[in-house]
All heavy atoms as atom14 arrays in JSON, in Angstrom:
{
  "sequence": "YDRQLPTQALTPAPKNYEPYYMSHYGRHGSRWLIQQSHY",
  "atom14_mask": [
    [1, 1, 1, 1, 1, 1, 1, 1, 1, 1, 1, 1, 0, 0],
    [1, 1, 1, 1, 1, 1, 1, 1, 0, 0, 0, 0, 0, 0],
    [1, 1, 1, 1, 1, 1, 1, 1, 1, 1, 1, 0, 0, 0],
    [1, 1, 1, 1, 1, 1, 1, 1, 1, 0, 0, 0, 0, 0],
    [1, 1, 1, 1, 1, 1, 1, 1, 0, 0, 0, 0, 0, 0],
    [1, 1, 1, 1, 1, 1, 1, 0, 0, 0, 0, 0, 0, 0],
    [1, 1, 1, 1, 1, 1, 1, 0, 0, 0, 0, 0, 0, 0],
    [1, 1, 1, 1, 1, 1, 1, 1, 1, 0, 0, 0, 0, 0],
    [1, 1, 1, 1, 1, 0, 0, 0, 0, 0, 0, 0, 0, 0],
    [1, 1, 1, 1, 1, 1, 1, 1, 0, 0, 0, 0, 0, 0],
    [1, 1, 1, 1, 1, 1, 1, 0, 0, 0, 0, 0, 0, 0],
    [1, 1, 1, 1, 1, 1, 1, 0, 0, 0, 0, 0, 0, 0],
    [1, 1, 1, 1, 1, 0, 0, 0, 0, 0, 0, 0, 0, 0],
    [1, 1, 1, 1, 1, 1, 1, 0, 0, 0, 0, 0, 0, 0],
    [1, 1, 1, 1, 1, 1, 1, 1, 1, 0, 0, 0, 0, 0],
    [1, 1, 1, 1, 1, 1, 1, 1, 0, 0, 0, 0, 0, 0],
    [1, 1, 1, 1, 1, 1, 1, 1, 1, 1, 1, 1, 0, 0],
    [1, 1, 1, 1, 1, 1, 1, 1, 1, 0, 0, 0, 0, 0],
    [1, 1, 1, 1, 1, 1, 1, 0, 0, 0, 0, 0, 0, 0],
    [1, 1, 1, 1, 1, 1, 1, 1, 1, 1, 1, 1, 0, 0],
    [1, 1, 1, 1, 1, 1, 1, 1, 1, 1, 1, 1, 0, 0],
    [1, 1, 1, 1, 1, 1, 1, 1, 0, 0, 0, 0, 0, 0],
    [1, 1, 1, 1, 1, 1, 0, 0, 0, 0, 0, 0, 0, 0],
    [1, 1, 1, 1, 1, 1, 1, 1, 1, 1, 0, 0, 0, 0],
    [1, 1, 1, 1, 1, 1, 1, 1, 1, 1, 1, 1, 0, 0],
    [1, 1, 1, 1, 0, 0, 0, 0, 0, 0, 0, 0, 0, 0],
    [1, 1, 1, 1, 1, 1, 1, 1, 1, 1, 1, 0, 0, 0],
    [1, 1, 1, 1, 1, 1, 1, 1, 1, 1, 0, 0, 0, 0],
    [1, 1, 1, 1, 0, 0, 0, 0, 0, 0, 0, 0, 0, 0],
    [1, 1, 1, 1, 1, 1, 0, 0, 0, 0, 0, 0, 0, 0],
    [1, 1, 1, 1, 1, 1, 1, 1, 1, 1, 1, 0, 0, 0],
    [1, 1, 1, 1, 1, 1, 1, 1, 1, 1, 1, 1, 1, 1],
    [1, 1, 1, 1, 1, 1, 1, 1, 0, 0, 0, 0, 0, 0],
    [1, 1, 1, 1, 1, 1, 1, 1, 0, 0, 0, 0, 0, 0],
    [1, 1, 1, 1, 1, 1, 1, 1, 1, 0, 0, 0, 0, 0],
    [1, 1, 1, 1, 1, 1, 1, 1, 1, 0, 0, 0, 0, 0],
    [1, 1, 1, 1, 1, 1, 0, 0, 0, 0, 0, 0, 0, 0],
    [1, 1, 1, 1, 1, 1, 1, 1, 1, 1, 0, 0, 0, 0],
    [1, 1, 1, 1, 1, 1, 1, 1, 1, 1, 1, 1, 0, 0]
  ],
  "atom14_positions": [
    [[43.69, -77.58, -3.05], [43.64, -76.24, -3.65], [42.2, -75.78, -3.89], [41.86, -74.61, -3.66], [44.42, -76.24, -4.96], [44.59, -74.9, -5.61], [45.64, -74.06, -5.26], [43.71, -74.46, -6.61], [45.82, -72.82, -5.86], [43.87, -73.23, -7.21], [44.93, -72.41, -6.83], [45.09, -71.19, -7.44], [0.0, 0.0, 0.0], [0.0, 0.0, 0.0]],
    [[41.37, -76.68, -4.34], [40.01, -76.31, -4.73], [39.12, -75.97, -3.53], [38.01, -75.46, -3.71], [39.37, -77.43, -5.54], [40.01, -77.57, -6.92], [40.73, -76.64, -7.34], [39.83, -78.63, -7.56], [0.0, 0.0, 0.0], [0.0, 0.0, 0.0], [0.0, 0.0, 0.0], [0.0, 0.0, 0.0], [0.0, 0.0, 0.0], [0.0, 0.0, 0.0]],
    [[39.6, -76.26, -2.31], [38.84, -75.91, -1.12], [39.15, -74.49, -0.64], [38.63, -74.05, 0.39], [39.12, -76.91, 0.01], [38.64, -78.33, -0.31], [38.88, -79.26, 0.86], [38.55, -80.64, 0.55], [37.33, -81.18, 0.64], [36.32, -80.43, 1.04], [37.12, -82.45, 0.34], [0.0, 0.0, 0.0], [0.0, 0.0, 0.0], [0.0, 0.0, 0.0]],
    [[40.0, -73.76, -1.34], [40.33, -72.39, -0.95], [40.27, -71.43, -2.12], [40.87, -70.36, -2.09], [41.73, -72.37, -0.32], [42.89, -72.84, -1.2], [43.39, -71.78, -2.16], [43.87, -70.72, -1.74], [43.27, -72.06, -3.46], [0.0, 0.0, 0.0], [0.0, 0.0, 0.0], [0.0, 0.0, 0.0], [0.0, 0.0, 0.0], [0.0, 0.0, 0.0]],
    [[39.52, -71.78, -3.16], [39.46, -70.93, -4.34], [38.88, -69.56, -4.0], [37.96, -69.43, -3.2], [38.6, -71.58, -5.42], [39.19, -72.82, -6.1], [38.17, -73.41, -7.06], [40.48, -72.47, -6.83], [0.0, 0.0, 0.0], [0.0, 0.0, 0.0], [0.0, 0.0, 0.0], [0.0, 0.0, 0.0], [0.0, 0.0, 0.0], [0.0, 0.0, 0.0]],
    [[39.44, -68.5, -4.59], [38.94, -67.14, -4.32], [37.54, -66.96, -4.88], [37.16, -67.58, -5.87], [39.94, -66.24, -5.03], [40.52, -67.09, -6.12], [40.56, -68.48, -5.56], [0.0, 0.0, 0.0], [0.0, 0.0, 0.0], [0.0, 0.0, 0.0], [0.0, 0.0, 0.0], [0.0, 0.0, 0.0], [0.0, 0.0, 0.0], [0.0, 0.0, 0.0]],
    [[36.79, -66.11, -4.22], [35.43, -65.81, -4.69], [35.35, -64.41, -5.27], [34.37, -64.07, -5.94], [34.44, -65.93, -3.52], [34.86, -65.07, -2.44], [34.38, -67.37, -3.0], [0.0, 0.0, 0.0], [0.0, 0.0, 0.0], [0.0, 0.0, 0.0], [0.0, 0.0, 0.0], [0.0, 0.0, 0.0], [0.0, 0.0, 0.0], [0.0, 0.0, 0.0]],
    [[36.36, -63.58, -5.03], [36.35, -62.21, -5.51], [36.88, -62.13, -6.93], [37.91, -62.74, -7.26], [37.19, -61.31, -4.59], [37.07, -59.84, -4.89], [37.73, -58.99, -3.82], [38.11, -59.49, -2.78], [37.86, -57.7, -4.09], [0.0, 0.0, 0.0], [0.0, 0.0, 0.0], [0.0, 0.0, 0.0], [0.0, 0.0, 0.0], [0.0, 0.0, 0.0]],
    [[36.21, -61.38, -7.78], [36.62, -61.23, -9.17], [37.92, -60.43, -9.26], [38.23, -59.6, -8.4], [35.53, -60.52, -9.96], [0.0, 0.0, 0.0], [0.0, 0.0, 0.0], [0.0, 0.0, 0.0], [0.0, 0.0, 0.0], [0.0, 0.0, 0.0], [0.0, 0.0, 0.0], [0.0, 0.0, 0.0], [0.0, 0.0, 0.0], [0.0, 0.0, 0.0]],
    [[38.68, -60.69, -10.31], [39.93, -59.96, -10.52], [39.64, -58.53, -10.98], [38.64, -58.27, -11.66], [40.78, -60.68, -11.57], [41.26, -62.08, -11.23], [42.08, -62.66, -12.38], [42.07, -62.09, -9.94], [0.0, 0.0, 0.0], [0.0, 0.0, 0.0], [0.0, 0.0, 0.0], [0.0, 0.0, 0.0], [0.0, 0.0, 0.0], [0.0, 0.0, 0.0]],
    [[40.53, -57.63, -10.61], [40.4, -56.22, -11.01], [40.63, -56.08, -12.52], [41.6, -56.62, -13.04], [41.44, -55.37, -10.26], [41.29, -55.58, -8.85], [41.28, -53.89, -10.58], [0.0, 0.0, 0.0], [0.0, 0.0, 0.0], [0.0, 0.0, 0.0], [0.0, 0.0, 0.0], [0.0, 0.0, 0.0], [0.0, 0.0, 0.0], [0.0, 0.0, 0.0]],
    [[39.76, -55.38, -13.22], [39.96, -55.21, -14.67], [41.29, -54.51, -14.97], [41.85, -53.8, -14.12], [38.78, -54.33, -15.08], [37.76, -54.53, -14.0], [38.53, -54.76, -12.74], [0.0, 0.0, 0.0], [0.0, 0.0, 0.0], [0.0, 0.0, 0.0], [0.0, 0.0, 0.0], [0.0, 0.0, 0.0], [0.0, 0.0, 0.0], [0.0, 0.0, 0.0]],
    [[41.78, -54.71, -16.18], [43.02, -54.06, -16.6], [42.84, -52.55, -16.57], [41.74, -52.03, -16.8], [43.38, -54.51, -18.01], [0.0, 0.0, 0.0], [0.0, 0.0, 0.0], [0.0, 0.0, 0.0], [0.0, 0.0, 0.0], [0.0, 0.0, 0.0], [0.0, 0.0, 0.0], [0.0, 0.0, 0.0], [0.0, 0.0, 0.0], [0.0, 0.0, 0.0]],
    [[43.92, -51.81, -16.27], [43.82, -50.34, -16.32], [43.4, -49.88, -17.72], [43.63, -50.57, -18.71], [45.25, -49.9, -16.0], [45.88, -51.05, -15.28], [45.25, -52.27, -15.87], [0.0, 0.0, 0.0], [0.0, 0.0, 0.0], [0.0, 0.0, 0.0], [0.0, 0.0, 0.0], [0.0, 0.0, 0.0], [0.0, 0.0, 0.0], [0.0, 0.0, 0.0]],
    [[42.83, -48.7, -17.79], [42.37, -48.16, -19.07], [43.53, -48.08, -20.06], [44.62, -47.64, -19.72], [41.78, -46.77, -18.84], [41.16, -46.17, -20.11], [40.55, -44.8, -19.82], [39.94, -44.2, -21.08], [39.35, -42.86, -20.82], [0.0, 0.0, 0.0], [0.0, 0.0, 0.0], [0.0, 0.0, 0.0], [0.0, 0.0, 0.0], [0.0, 0.0, 0.0]],
    [[43.26, -48.55, -21.26], [44.23, -48.54, -22.37], [45.39, -49.52, -22.17], [46.43, -49.39, -22.82], [44.77, -47.13, -22.62], [43.7, -46.16, -23.07], [42.79, -46.54, -23.8], [43.8, -44.91, -22.63], [0.0, 0.0, 0.0], [0.0, 0.0, 0.0], [0.0, 0.0, 0.0], [0.0, 0.0, 0.0], [0.0, 0.0, 0.0], [0.0, 0.0, 0.0]],
    [[45.22, -50.5, -21.27], [46.23, -51.53, -21.07], [45.67, -52.91, -21.37], [44.45, -53.14, -21.27], [46.74, -51.51, -19.63], [47.88, -50.55, -19.38], [47.63, -49.2, -19.12], [49.21, -50.98, -19.41], [48.67, -48.31, -18.9], [50.25, -50.1, -19.18], [49.98, -48.76, -18.92], [51.02, -47.9, -18.7], [0.0, 0.0, 0.0], [0.0, 0.0, 0.0]],
    [[46.56, -53.84, -21.72], [46.17, -55.22, -21.96], [47.26, -56.16, -21.45], [48.45, -55.83, -21.52], [45.96, -55.45, -23.46], [47.2, -55.21, -24.3], [46.94, -55.36, -25.79], [45.79, -55.64, -26.16], [47.91, -55.19, -26.58], [0.0, 0.0, 0.0], [0.0, 0.0, 0.0], [0.0, 0.0, 0.0], [0.0, 0.0, 0.0], [0.0, 0.0, 0.0]],
    [[46.89, -57.34, -20.93], [47.89, -58.3, -20.5], [48.55, -58.95, -21.72], [47.89, -59.21, -22.73], [47.09, -59.32, -19.7], [45.72, -59.25, -20.27], [45.52, -57.83, -20.7], [0.0, 0.0, 0.0], [0.0, 0.0, 0.0], [0.0, 0.0, 0.0], [0.0, 0.0, 0.0], [0.0, 0.0, 0.0], [0.0, 0.0, 0.0], [0.0, 0.0, 0.0]],
    [[49.86, -59.2, -21.61], [50.55, -59.81, -22.74], [51.54, -60.91, -22.34], [52.03, -61.64, -23.2], [51.31, -58.75, -23.55], [52.55, -58.2, -22.86], [53.82, -58.68, -23.2], [52.44, -57.22, -21.88], [54.96, -58.19, -22.57], [53.58, -56.72, -21.26], [54.83, -57.21, -21.59], [55.94, -56.73, -20.96], [0.0, 0.0, 0.0], [0.0, 0.0, 0.0]],
    [[51.8, -61.05, -21.05], [52.79, -62.06, -20.63], [52.46, -62.53, -19.23], [52.12, -61.73, -18.35], [54.19, -61.46, -20.66], [55.28, -62.38, -20.1], [55.48, -63.66, -20.62], [56.11, -61.95, -19.08], [56.47, -64.49, -20.11], [57.12, -62.77, -18.57], [57.29, -64.04, -19.08], [58.27, -64.87, -18.57], [0.0, 0.0, 0.0], [0.0, 0.0, 0.0]],
    [[52.57, -63.85, -19.02], [52.46, -64.42, -17.68], [53.73, -65.17, -17.33], [54.21, -65.99, -18.11], [51.27, -65.37, -17.53], [51.21, -66.02, -16.13], [49.88, -67.22, -15.9], [48.48, -66.11, -15.74], [0.0, 0.0, 0.0], [0.0, 0.0, 0.0], [0.0, 0.0, 0.0], [0.0, 0.0, 0.0], [0.0, 0.0, 0.0], [0.0, 0.0, 0.0]],
    [[54.25, -64.87, -16.14], [55.38, -65.61, -15.58], [54.87, -66.34, -14.34], [54.34, -65.71, -13.42], [56.51, -64.65, -15.21], [57.65, -65.36, -14.76], [0.0, 0.0, 0.0], [0.0, 0.0, 0.0], [0.0, 0.0, 0.0], [0.0, 0.0, 0.0], [0.0, 0.0, 0.0], [0.0, 0.0, 0.0], [0.0, 0.0, 0.0], [0.0, 0.0, 0.0]],
    [[55.05, -67.65, -14.31], [54.34, -68.5, -13.34], [55.29, -69.5, -12.7], [56.24, -69.98, -13.33], [53.22, -69.22, -14.11], [52.76, -70.53, -13.52], [53.49, -71.7, -13.64], [51.62, -70.86, -12.85], [52.83, -72.68, -13.06], [51.69, -72.2, -12.57], [0.0, 0.0, 0.0], [0.0, 0.0, 0.0], [0.0, 0.0, 0.0], [0.0, 0.0, 0.0]],
    [[55.05, -69.78, -11.42], [55.66, -70.95, -10.77], [54.57, -71.62, -9.96], [53.88, -70.98, -9.15], [56.82, -70.57, -9.85], [57.56, -71.8, -9.33], [58.73, -72.23, -9.94], [57.07, -72.56, -8.28], [59.4, -73.37, -9.51], [57.7, -73.7, -7.84], [58.88, -74.11, -8.45], [59.53, -75.25, -8.03], [0.0, 0.0, 0.0], [0.0, 0.0, 0.0]],
    [[54.4, -72.93, -10.18], [53.34, -73.65, -9.48], [53.81, -74.96, -8.9], [54.72, -75.61, -9.42], [0.0, 0.0, 0.0], [0.0, 0.0, 0.0], [0.0, 0.0, 0.0], [0.0, 0.0, 0.0], [0.0, 0.0, 0.0], [0.0, 0.0, 0.0], [0.0, 0.0, 0.0], [0.0, 0.0, 0.0], [0.0, 0.0, 0.0], [0.0, 0.0, 0.0]],
    [[53.19, -75.33, -7.81], [53.47, -76.61, -7.17], [52.62, -77.69, -7.82], [51.54, -77.43, -8.36], [53.1, -76.52, -5.69], [53.36, -77.79, -4.89], [52.64, -77.77, -3.56], [52.97, -78.95, -2.76], [52.35, -79.31, -1.64], [51.34, -78.58, -1.19], [52.72, -80.39, -0.98], [0.0, 0.0, 0.0], [0.0, 0.0, 0.0], [0.0, 0.0, 0.0]],
    [[53.1, -78.92, -7.75], [52.3, -80.06, -8.2], [51.0, -80.13, -7.41], [50.85, -79.54, -6.32], [53.08, -81.36, -8.0], [53.47, -81.59, -6.56], [52.58, -82.02, -5.6], [54.65, -81.43, -5.93], [53.2, -82.12, -4.44], [54.46, -81.75, -4.6], [0.0, 0.0, 0.0], [0.0, 0.0, 0.0], [0.0, 0.0, 0.0], [0.0, 0.0, 0.0]],
    [[50.06, -80.9, -7.9], [48.78, -81.05, -7.23], [48.83, -82.08, -6.12], [49.89, -82.59, -5.75], [0.0, 0.0, 0.0], [0.0, 0.0, 0.0], [0.0, 0.0, 0.0], [0.0, 0.0, 0.0], [0.0, 0.0, 0.0], [0.0, 0.0, 0.0], [0.0, 0.0, 0.0], [0.0, 0.0, 0.0], [0.0, 0.0, 0.0], [0.0, 0.0, 0.0]],
    [[47.66, -82.39, -5.59], [47.55, -83.32, -4.45], [48.2, -84.66, -4.75], [48.15, -85.15, -5.88], [46.08, -83.51, -4.08], [45.56, -82.35, -3.46], [0.0, 0.0, 0.0], [0.0, 0.0, 0.0], [0.0, 0.0, 0.0], [0.0, 0.0, 0.0], [0.0, 0.0, 0.0], [0.0, 0.0, 0.0], [0.0, 0.0, 0.0], [0.0, 0.0, 0.0]],
    [[48.76, -85.26, -3.71], [49.53, -86.5, -3.87], [49.3, -87.43, -2.69], [48.78, -87.02, -1.64], [51.02, -86.17, -3.97], [51.54, -85.37, -2.77], [53.03, -85.4, -2.68], [53.58, -84.49, -1.68], [53.57, -84.68, -0.37], [52.99, -85.76, 0.14], [54.13, -83.79, 0.45], [0.0, 0.0, 0.0], [0.0, 0.0, 0.0], [0.0, 0.0, 0.0]],
    [[49.73, -88.68, -2.88], [49.85, -89.57, -1.74], [50.97, -89.06, -0.84], [51.83, -88.26, -1.28], [50.2, -90.99, -2.2], [49.04, -91.86, -2.54], [48.39, -92.74, -1.71], [48.38, -91.99, -3.81], [47.38, -93.38, -2.38], [47.35, -92.94, -3.68], [48.57, -91.38, -5.05], [46.52, -93.31, -4.72], [47.75, -91.73, -6.11], [46.73, -92.68, -5.93]],
    [[50.98, -89.48, 0.41], [52.09, -89.14, 1.29], [53.39, -89.71, 0.74], [53.38, -90.66, -0.05], [51.81, -89.66, 2.7], [50.63, -88.97, 3.42], [50.3, -89.69, 4.74], [50.92, -87.5, 3.67], [0.0, 0.0, 0.0], [0.0, 0.0, 0.0], [0.0, 0.0, 0.0], [0.0, 0.0, 0.0], [0.0, 0.0, 0.0], [0.0, 0.0, 0.0]],
    [[54.5, -89.14, 1.17], [55.79, -89.43, 0.55], [56.4, -90.75, 1.0], [56.99, -91.48, 0.2], [56.78, -88.28, 0.85], [56.3, -86.98, 0.19], [58.18, -88.62, 0.37], [56.35, -86.99, -1.32], [0.0, 0.0, 0.0], [0.0, 0.0, 0.0], [0.0, 0.0, 0.0], [0.0, 0.0, 0.0], [0.0, 0.0, 0.0], [0.0, 0.0, 0.0]],
    [[56.27, -91.07, 2.29], [56.95, -92.24, 2.84], [55.95, -93.3, 3.29], [54.9, -92.97, 3.85], [57.85, -91.84, 4.01], [58.96, -90.87, 3.65], [59.76, -90.44, 4.86], [59.61, -90.97, 5.95], [60.63, -89.46, 4.65], [0.0, 0.0, 0.0], [0.0, 0.0, 0.0], [0.0, 0.0, 0.0], [0.0, 0.0, 0.0], [0.0, 0.0, 0.0]],
    [[56.3, -94.57, 3.09], [55.43, -95.66, 3.52], [55.16, -95.6, 5.01], [54.07, -95.92, 5.48], [56.08, -97.01, 3.17], [55.09, -98.15, 2.98], [54.35, -98.06, 1.64], [54.99, -98.06, 0.61], [53.03, -97.99, 1.68], [0.0, 0.0, 0.0], [0.0, 0.0, 0.0], [0.0, 0.0, 0.0], [0.0, 0.0, 0.0], [0.0, 0.0, 0.0]],
    [[56.17, -95.15, 5.77], [56.03, -95.1, 7.23], [54.95, -94.12, 7.67], [54.44, -94.24, 8.79], [57.37, -94.74, 7.88], [57.82, -93.47, 7.43], [0.0, 0.0, 0.0], [0.0, 0.0, 0.0], [0.0, 0.0, 0.0], [0.0, 0.0, 0.0], [0.0, 0.0, 0.0], [0.0, 0.0, 0.0], [0.0, 0.0, 0.0], [0.0, 0.0, 0.0]],
    [[54.62, -93.16, 6.81], [53.54, -92.24, 7.16], [52.23, -93.0, 7.37], [51.37, -92.57, 8.15], [53.35, -91.19, 6.07], [54.46, -90.19, 6.02], [54.77, -89.47, 4.88], [55.35, -89.78, 6.95], [55.79, -88.66, 5.12], [56.16, -88.84, 6.37], [0.0, 0.0, 0.0], [0.0, 0.0, 0.0], [0.0, 0.0, 0.0], [0.0, 0.0, 0.0]],
    [[52.07, -94.1, 6.67], [50.89, -94.94, 6.83], [51.12, -96.09, 7.82], [50.26, -96.41, 8.63], [50.48, -95.52, 5.47], [50.12, -94.49, 4.43], [51.01, -94.17, 3.4], [48.91, -93.81, 4.46], [50.7, -93.23, 2.43], [48.58, -92.86, 3.5], [49.49, -92.57, 2.49], [49.17, -91.62, 1.54], [0.0, 0.0, 0.0], [0.0, 0.0, 0.0]]
  ]
}
C-alpha cells in the first residue's frame, strides 16, 4: 500500500461544512502467501 500513496492534497471542505462521520471498509495489510505450496 505504501508504494502507491497519493501525493495530491485532499480538497478542502465546502464553505460552511464540516466532516462528521466516516464509513469505512478496509482490507488487511501485507501478509505471507496463503498456501505452503506457493513456496
